[in-house]
Amino acid sequence: MARQTKILSISLPVGLTKAMDILSKQTEQTRSELVRSALHEYIMDTAEDRERFLEAYKTTREEKTISMEALRKKYDLV
């Protein structure tokens, strides 16, 4: 059966690595599990923000043209 994961090699600052190792022990997760979880959350948050922004943009475009700052405030995208 084909492998369902891909091995990556990354470089991290020493301080971040130490913090990750501490968290790894506290949560009883491997480094890989922590990185997978953090990356997944980041991607999901970014996707949600993008969707909210596009919806706000479409709605606002139908109403009138406003500045990016006003758009962010109106739809709590700050």
PDB file of N, CA and C in Angstrom:
ATOM      1  N   MET A   1       0.847  -1.177   0.000  1.00  0.00           N
ATOM      2  CA  MET A   1       0.000   0.000   0.000  1.00  0.00           C
ATOM      3  C   MET A   1       0.897   1.247   0.000  1.00  0.00           C
ATOM      4  N   ALA A   2       0.511   2.283  -0.733  1.00  0.00           N
ATOM      5  CA  ALA A   2       1.301   3.514  -0.833  1.00  0.00           C
ATOM      6  C   ALA A   2       1.259   4.290   0.476  1.00  0.00           C
ATOM      7  N   ARG A   3       2.362   4.929   0.765  1.00  0.00           N
ATOM      8  CA  ARG A   3       2.466   5.740   1.977  1.00  0.00           C
ATOM      9  C   ARG A   3       1.488   6.911   1.894  1.00  0.00           C
ATOM     10  N   GLN A   4       0.788   7.183   2.989  1.00  0.00           N
ATOM     11  CA  GLN A   4      -0.213   8.234   3.023  1.00  0.00           C
ATOM     12  C   GLN A   4       0.333   9.567   3.532  1.00  0.00           C
ATOM     13  N   THR A   5       1.622   9.628   3.805  1.00  0.00           N
ATOM     14  CA  THR A   5       2.244  10.862   4.269  1.00  0.00           C
ATOM     15  C   THR A   5       3.461  11.161   3.407  1.00  0.00           C
ATOM     16  N   LYS A   6       3.927  12.395   3.521  1.00  0.00           N
ATOM     17  CA  LYS A   6       5.119  12.829   2.806  1.00  0.00           C
ATOM     18  C   LYS A   6       6.087  13.379   3.846  1.00  0.00           C
ATOM     19  N   ILE A   7       7.329  12.958   3.789  1.00  0.00           N
ATOM     20  CA  ILE A   7       8.335  13.422   4.733  1.00  0.00           C
ATOM     21  C   ILE A   7       8.914  14.746   4.234  1.00  0.00           C
ATOM     22  N   LEU A   8       8.937  15.725   5.124  1.00  0.00           N
ATOM     23  CA  LEU A   8       9.489  17.040   4.817  1.00  0.00           C
ATOM     24  C   LEU A   8      10.635  17.344   5.762  1.00  0.00           C
ATOM     25  N   SER A   9      11.555  18.142   5.311  1.00  0.00           N
ATOM     26  CA  SER A   9      12.647  18.599   6.157  1.00  0.00           C
ATOM     27  C   SER A   9      12.540  20.112   6.257  1.00  0.00           C
ATOM     28  N   ILE A  10      12.455  20.626   7.497  1.00  0.00           N
ATOM     29  CA  ILE A  10      12.326  22.077   7.685  1.00  0.00           C
ATOM     30  C   ILE A  10      13.368  22.564   8.685  1.00  0.00           C
ATOM     31  N   SER A  11      13.639  23.852   8.624  1.00  0.00           N
ATOM     32  CA  SER A  11      14.549  24.488   9.583  1.00  0.00           C
ATOM     33  C   SER A  11      13.739  25.397  10.489  1.00  0.00           C
ATOM     34  N   LEU A  12      14.004  25.323  11.792  1.00  0.00           N
ATOM     35  CA  LEU A  12      13.317  26.161  12.767  1.00  0.00           C
ATOM     36  C   LEU A  12      14.342  26.839  13.661  1.00  0.00           C
ATOM     37  N   PRO A  13      14.040  28.043  14.136  1.00  0.00           N
ATOM     38  CA  PRO A  13      14.931  28.681  15.101  1.00  0.00           C
ATOM     39  C   PRO A  13      15.033  27.830  16.366  1.00  0.00           C
ATOM     40  N   VAL A  14      16.168  27.913  17.037  1.00  0.00           N
ATOM     41  CA  VAL A  14      16.409  27.109  18.242  1.00  0.00           C
ATOM     42  C   VAL A  14      15.329  27.345  19.296  1.00  0.00           C
ATOM     43  N   GLY A  15      14.949  28.598  19.505  1.00  0.00           N
ATOM     44  CA  GLY A  15      13.931  28.904  20.522  1.00  0.00           C
ATOM     45  C   GLY A  15      12.595  28.261  20.220  1.00  0.00           C
ATOM     46  N   LEU A  16      12.216  28.260  18.963  1.00  0.00           N
ATOM     47  CA  LEU A  16      10.956  27.643  18.572  1.00  0.00           C
ATOM     48  C   LEU A  16      11.020  26.125  18.749  1.00  0.00           C
ATOM     49  N   THR A  17      12.151  25.554  18.437  1.00  0.00           N
ATOM     50  CA  THR A  17      12.333  24.111  18.617  1.00  0.00           C
ATOM     51  C   THR A  17      12.241  23.732  20.087  1.00  0.00           C
ATOM     52  N   LYS A  18      12.857  24.532  20.955  1.00  0.00           N
ATOM     53  CA  LYS A  18      12.784  24.261  22.395  1.00  0.00           C
ATOM     54  C   LYS A  18      11.344  24.354  22.889  1.00  0.00           C
ATOM     55  N   ALA A  19      10.633  25.389  22.442  1.00  0.00           N
ATOM     56  CA  ALA A  19       9.236  25.549  22.847  1.00  0.00           C
ATOM     57  C   ALA A  19       8.397  24.377  22.353  1.00  0.00           C
ATOM     58  N   MET A  20       8.670  23.922  21.136  1.00  0.00           N
ATOM     59  CA  MET A  20       7.946  22.791  20.577  1.00  0.00           C
ATOM     60  C   MET A  20       8.223  21.526  21.388  1.00  0.00           C
ATOM     61  N   ASP A  21       9.467  21.322  21.801  1.00  0.00           N
ATOM     62  CA  ASP A  21       9.809  20.141  22.593  1.00  0.00           C
ATOM     63  C   ASP A  21       9.134  20.165  23.958  1.00  0.00           C
ATOM     64  N   ILE A  22       9.054  21.333  24.566  1.00  0.00           N
ATOM     65  CA  ILE A  22       8.360  21.461  25.860  1.00  0.00           C
ATOM     66  C   ILE A  22       6.881  21.131  25.685  1.00  0.00           C
ATOM     67  N   LEU A  23       6.268  21.713  24.665  1.00  0.00           N
ATOM     68  CA  LEU A  23       4.858  21.454  24.391  1.00  0.00           C
ATOM     69  C   LEU A  23       4.628  19.988  24.043  1.00  0.00           C
ATOM     70  N   SER A  24       5.558  19.416  23.339  1.00  0.00           N
ATOM     71  CA  SER A  24       5.468  18.006  22.966  1.00  0.00           C
ATOM     72  C   SER A  24       5.395  17.117  24.202  1.00  0.00           C
ATOM     73  N   LYS A  25       6.227  17.409  25.181  1.00  0.00           N
ATOM     74  CA  LYS A  25       6.213  16.627  26.427  1.00  0.00           C
ATOM     75  C   LYS A  25       4.926  16.855  27.216  1.00  0.00           C
ATOM     76  N   GLN A  26       4.502  18.124  27.275  1.00  0.00           N
ATOM     77  CA  GLN A  26       3.294  18.455  28.034  1.00  0.00           C
ATOM     78  C   GLN A  26       2.047  17.813  27.445  1.00  0.00           C
ATOM     79  N   THR A  27       1.985  17.748  26.142  1.00  0.00           N
ATOM     80  CA  THR A  27       0.781  17.237  25.477  1.00  0.00           C
ATOM     81  C   THR A  27       0.901  15.782  25.044  1.00  0.00           C
ATOM     82  N   GLU A  28       2.086  15.217  25.275  1.00  0.00           N
ATOM     83  CA  GLU A  28       2.358  13.832  24.873  1.00  0.00           C
ATOM     84  C   GLU A  28       2.091  13.614  23.381  1.00  0.00           C
ATOM     85  N   GLN A  29       2.551  14.580  22.583  1.00  0.00           N
ATOM     86  CA  GLN A  29       2.449  14.493  21.132  1.00  0.00           C
ATOM     87  C   GLN A  29       3.853  14.538  20.541  1.00  0.00           C
ATOM     88  N   THR A  30       4.022  13.933  19.403  1.00  0.00           N
ATOM     89  CA  THR A  30       5.313  14.011  18.726  1.00  0.00           C
ATOM     90  C   THR A  30       5.460  15.389  18.077  1.00  0.00           C
ATOM     91  N   ARG A  31       6.675  15.702  17.683  1.00  0.00           N
ATOM     92  CA  ARG A  31       6.902  16.943  16.941  1.00  0.00           C
ATOM     93  C   ARG A  31       6.039  16.972  15.683  1.00  0.00           C
ATOM     94  N   SER A  32       5.994  15.860  14.990  1.00  0.00           N
ATOM     95  CA  SER A  32       5.200  15.782  13.757  1.00  0.00           C
ATOM     96  C   SER A  32       3.730  16.070  14.021  1.00  0.00           C
ATOM     97  N   GLU A  33       3.201  15.500  15.102  1.00  0.00           N
ATOM     98  CA  GLU A  33       1.795  15.733  15.433  1.00  0.00           C
ATOM     99  C   GLU A  33       1.539  17.207  15.721  1.00  0.00           C
ATOM    100  N   LEU A  34       2.445  17.836  16.452  1.00  0.00           N
ATOM    101  CA  LEU A  34       2.291  19.256  16.758  1.00  0.00           C
ATOM    102  C   LEU A  34       2.329  20.111  15.493  1.00  0.00           C
ATOM    103  N   VAL A  35       3.295  19.844  14.628  1.00  0.00           N
ATOM    104  CA  VAL A  35       3.418  20.624  13.397  1.00  0.00           C
ATOM    105  C   VAL A  35       2.202  20.394  12.503  1.00  0.00           C
ATOM    106  N   ARG A  36       1.768  19.148  12.378  1.00  0.00           N
ATOM    107  CA  ARG A  36       0.576  18.855  11.566  1.00  0.00           C
ATOM    108  C   ARG A  36      -0.632  19.616  12.083  1.00  0.00           C
ATOM    109  N   SER A  37      -0.829  19.580  13.388  1.00  0.00           N
ATOM    110  CA  SER A  37      -1.971  20.251  13.993  1.00  0.00           C
ATOM    111  C   SER A  37      -1.898  21.771  13.790  1.00  0.00           C
ATOM    112  N   ALA A  38      -0.735  22.350  14.032  1.00  0.00           N
ATOM    113  CA  ALA A  38      -0.573  23.795  13.884  1.00  0.00           C
ATOM    114  C   ALA A  38      -0.778  24.225  12.432  1.00  0.00           C
ATOM    115  N   LEU A  39      -0.229  23.479  11.499  1.00  0.00           N
ATOM    116  CA  LEU A  39      -0.371  23.814  10.088  1.00  0.00           C
ATOM    117  C   LEU A  39      -1.822  23.674   9.639  1.00  0.00           C
ATOM    118  N   HIS A  40      -2.475  22.630  10.115  1.00  0.00           N
ATOM    119  CA  HIS A  40      -3.890  22.435   9.776  1.00  0.00           C
ATOM    120  C   HIS A  40      -4.723  23.612  10.276  1.00  0.00           C
ATOM    121  N   GLU A  41      -4.515  24.013  11.522  1.00  0.00           N
ATOM    122  CA  GLU A  41      -5.255  25.144  12.085  1.00  0.00           C
ATOM    123  C   GLU A  41      -4.993  26.423  11.299  1.00  0.00           C
ATOM    124  N   TYR A  42      -3.735  26.657  10.936  1.00  0.00           N
ATOM    125  CA  TYR A  42      -3.374  27.847  10.177  1.00  0.00           C
ATOM    126  C   TYR A  42      -4.081  27.862   8.824  1.00  0.00           C
ATOM    127  N   ILE A  43      -4.050  26.740   8.138  1.00  0.00           N
ATOM    128  CA  ILE A  43      -4.684  26.650   6.818  1.00  0.00           C
ATOM    129  C   ILE A  43      -6.193  26.851   6.926  1.00  0.00           C
ATOM    130  N   MET A  44      -6.815  26.239   7.933  1.00  0.00           N
ATOM    131  CA  MET A  44      -8.254  26.388   8.101  1.00  0.00           C
ATOM    132  C   MET A  44      -8.626  27.820   8.453  1.00  0.00           C
ATOM    133  N   ASP A  45      -7.850  28.451   9.349  1.00  0.00           N
ATOM    134  CA  ASP A  45      -8.110  29.843   9.710  1.00  0.00           C
ATOM    135  C   ASP A  45      -7.966  30.747   8.499  1.00  0.00           C
ATOM    136  N   THR A  46      -6.926  30.518   7.707  1.00  0.00           N
ATOM    137  CA  THR A  46      -6.684  31.336   6.525  1.00  0.00           C
ATOM    138  C   THR A  46      -7.825  31.162   5.522  1.00  0.00           C
ATOM    139  N   ALA A  47      -8.279  29.950   5.343  1.00  0.00           N
ATOM    140  CA  ALA A  47      -9.376  29.678   4.414  1.00  0.00           C
ATOM    141  C   ALA A  47     -10.658  30.355   4.891  1.00  0.00           C
ATOM    142  N   GLU A  48     -10.927  30.280   6.204  1.00  0.00           N
ATOM    143  CA  GLU A  48     -12.113  30.941   6.759  1.00  0.00           C
ATOM    144  C   GLU A  48     -12.032  32.444   6.552  1.00  0.00           C
ATOM    145  N   ASP A  49     -10.870  33.034   6.844  1.00  0.00           N
ATOM    146  CA  ASP A  49     -10.699  34.469   6.659  1.00  0.00           C
ATOM    147  C   ASP A  49     -10.903  34.849   5.198  1.00  0.00           C
ATOM    148  N   ARG A  50     -10.360  34.040   4.297  1.00  0.00           N
ATOM    149  CA  ARG A  50     -10.494  34.328   2.861  1.00  0.00           C
ATOM    150  C   ARG A  50     -11.965  34.288   2.451  1.00  0.00           C
ATOM    151  N   GLU A  51     -12.687  33.284   2.922  1.00  0.00           N
ATOM    152  CA  GLU A  51     -14.107  33.166   2.586  1.00  0.00           C
ATOM    153  C   GLU A  51     -14.903  34.343   3.146  1.00  0.00           C
ATOM    154  N   ARG A  52     -14.624  34.708   4.396  1.00  0.00           N
ATOM    155  CA  ARG A  52     -15.317  35.853   5.002  1.00  0.00           C
ATOM    156  C   ARG A  52     -15.021  37.130   4.241  1.00  0.00           C
ATOM    157  N   PHE A  53     -13.767  37.315   3.846  1.00  0.00           N
ATOM    158  CA  PHE A  53     -13.388  38.509   3.114  1.00  0.00           C
ATOM    159  C   PHE A  53     -14.092  38.559   1.756  1.00  0.00           C
ATOM    160  N   LEU A  54     -14.093  37.438   1.032  1.00  0.00           N
ATOM    161  CA  LEU A  54     -14.729  37.423  -0.289  1.00  0.00           C
ATOM    162  C   LEU A  54     -16.223  37.688  -0.188  1.00  0.00           C
ATOM    163  N   GLU A  55     -16.878  37.103   0.796  1.00  0.00           N
ATOM    164  CA  GLU A  55     -18.304  37.345   0.982  1.00  0.00           C
ATOM    165  C   GLU A  55     -18.561  38.807   1.321  1.00  0.00           C
ATOM    166  N   ALA A  56     -17.738  39.355   2.207  1.00  0.00           N
ATOM    167  CA  ALA A  56     -17.877  40.761   2.573  1.00  0.00           C
ATOM    168  C   ALA A  56     -17.629  41.650   1.363  1.00  0.00           C
ATOM    169  N   TYR A  57     -16.648  41.303   0.574  1.00  0.00           N
ATOM    170  CA  TYR A  57     -16.320  42.090  -0.620  1.00  0.00           C
ATOM    171  C   TYR A  57     -17.482  42.079  -1.608  1.00  0.00           C
ATOM    172  N   LYS A  58     -18.050  40.897  -1.850  1.00  0.00           N
ATOM    173  CA  LYS A  58     -19.171  40.798  -2.791  1.00  0.00           C
ATOM    174  C   LYS A  58     -20.356  41.628  -2.309  1.00  0.00           C
ATOM    175  N   THR A  59     -20.679  41.491  -1.029  1.00  0.00           N
ATOM    176  CA  THR A  59     -21.802  42.229  -0.455  1.00  0.00           C
ATOM    177  C   THR A  59     -21.560  43.726  -0.543  1.00  0.00           C
ATOM    178  N   THR A  60     -20.372  44.155  -0.170  1.00  0.00           N
ATOM    179  CA  THR A  60     -20.042  45.574  -0.163  1.00  0.00           C
ATOM    180  C   THR A  60     -20.008  46.131  -1.580  1.00  0.00           C
ATOM    181  N   ARG A  61     -19.514  45.350  -2.494  1.00  0.00           N
ATOM    182  CA  ARG A  61     -19.434  45.805  -3.888  1.00  0.00           C
ATOM    183  C   ARG A  61     -20.827  46.091  -4.437  1.00  0.00           C
ATOM    184  N   GLU A  62     -21.806  45.296  -4.013  1.00  0.00           N
ATOM    185  CA  GLU A  62     -23.182  45.523  -4.445  1.00  0.00           C
ATOM    186  C   GLU A  62     -23.744  46.794  -3.806  1.00  0.00           C
ATOM    187  N   GLU A  63     -23.312  47.097  -2.571  1.00  0.00           N
ATOM    188  CA  GLU A  63     -23.817  48.271  -1.866  1.00  0.00           C
ATOM    189  C   GLU A  63     -23.197  49.548  -2.424  1.00  0.00           C
ATOM    190  N   LYS A  64     -21.870  49.631  -2.336  1.00  0.00           N
ATOM    191  CA  LYS A  64     -21.137  50.805  -2.799  1.00  0.00           C
ATOM    192  C   LYS A  64     -19.650  50.522  -2.629  1.00  0.00           C
ATOM    193  N   THR A  65     -18.837  51.358  -3.161  1.00  0.00           N
ATOM    194  CA  THR A  65     -17.399  51.196  -3.019  1.00  0.00           C
ATOM    195  C   THR A  65     -16.966  51.844  -1.700  1.00  0.00           C
ATOM    196  N   ILE A  66     -16.202  51.070  -0.882  1.00  0.00           N
ATOM    197  CA  ILE A  66     -15.672  51.608   0.359  1.00  0.00           C
ATOM    198  C   ILE A  66     -14.192  51.221   0.458  1.00  0.00           C
ATOM    199  N   SER A  67     -13.498  51.852   1.377  1.00  0.00           N
ATOM    200  CA  SER A  67     -12.071  51.575   1.537  1.00  0.00           C
ATOM    201  C   SER A  67     -11.854  50.198   2.153  1.00  0.00           C
ATOM    202  N   MET A  68     -10.643  49.681   1.960  1.00  0.00           N
ATOM    203  CA  MET A  68     -10.298  48.378   2.532  1.00  0.00           C
ATOM    204  C   MET A  68     -10.408  48.429   4.052  1.00  0.00           C
ATOM    205  N   GLU A  69      -9.973  49.527   4.653  1.00  0.00           N
ATOM    206  CA  GLU A  69     -10.039  49.663   6.112  1.00  0.00           C
ATOM    207  C   GLU A  69     -11.490  49.605   6.596  1.00  0.00           C
ATOM    208  N   ALA A  70     -12.372  50.303   5.908  1.00  0.00           N
ATOM    209  CA  ALA A  70     -13.783  50.302   6.285  1.00  0.00           C
ATOM    210  C   ALA A  70     -14.387  48.914   6.092  1.00  0.00           C
ATOM    211  N   LEU A  71     -13.987  48.236   5.040  1.00  0.00           N
ATOM    212  CA  LEU A  71     -14.463  46.874   4.778  1.00  0.00           C
ATOM    213  C   LEU A  71     -14.060  45.935   5.905  1.00  0.00           C
ATOM    214  N   ARG A  72     -12.795  46.027   6.321  1.00  0.00           N
ATOM    215  CA  ARG A  72     -12.319  45.164   7.405  1.00  0.00           C
ATOM    216  C   ARG A  72     -13.073  45.434   8.701  1.00  0.00           C
ATOM    217  N   LYS A  73     -13.292  46.708   9.011  1.00  0.00           N
ATOM    218  CA  LYS A  73     -14.021  47.053  10.232  1.00  0.00           C
ATOM    219  C   LYS A  73     -15.470  46.580  10.181  1.00  0.00           C
ATOM    220  N   LYS A  74     -16.105  46.805   9.034  1.00  0.00           N
ATOM    221  CA  LYS A  74     -17.518  46.460   8.896  1.00  0.00           C
ATOM    222  C   LYS A  74     -17.755  44.965   9.093  1.00  0.00           C
ATOM    223  N   TYR A  75     -16.855  44.145   8.597  1.00  0.00           N
ATOM    224  CA  TYR A  75     -17.033  42.697   8.676  1.00  0.00           C
ATOM    225  C   TYR A  75     -16.088  42.042   9.667  1.00  0.00           C
ATOM    226  N   ASP A  76     -15.552  42.826  10.588  1.00  0.00           N
ATOM    227  CA  ASP A  76     -14.709  42.310  11.667  1.00  0.00           C
ATOM    228  C   ASP A  76     -13.549  41.453  11.127  1.00  0.00           C
ATOM    229  N   LEU A  77     -12.865  41.981  10.127  1.00  0.00           N
ATOM    230  CA  LEU A  77     -11.745  41.279   9.529  1.00  0.00           C
ATOM    231  C   LEU A  77     -10.401  41.854   9.965  1.00  0.00           C
ATOM    232  N   VAL A  78     -10.440  42.672  10.986  1.00  0.00           N
ATOM    233  CA  VAL A  78      -9.216  43.330  11.477  1.00  0.00           C
ATOM    234  C   VAL A  78      -8.326  42.349  12.185  1.00  0.00           C
TER     235      VAL A  78
END
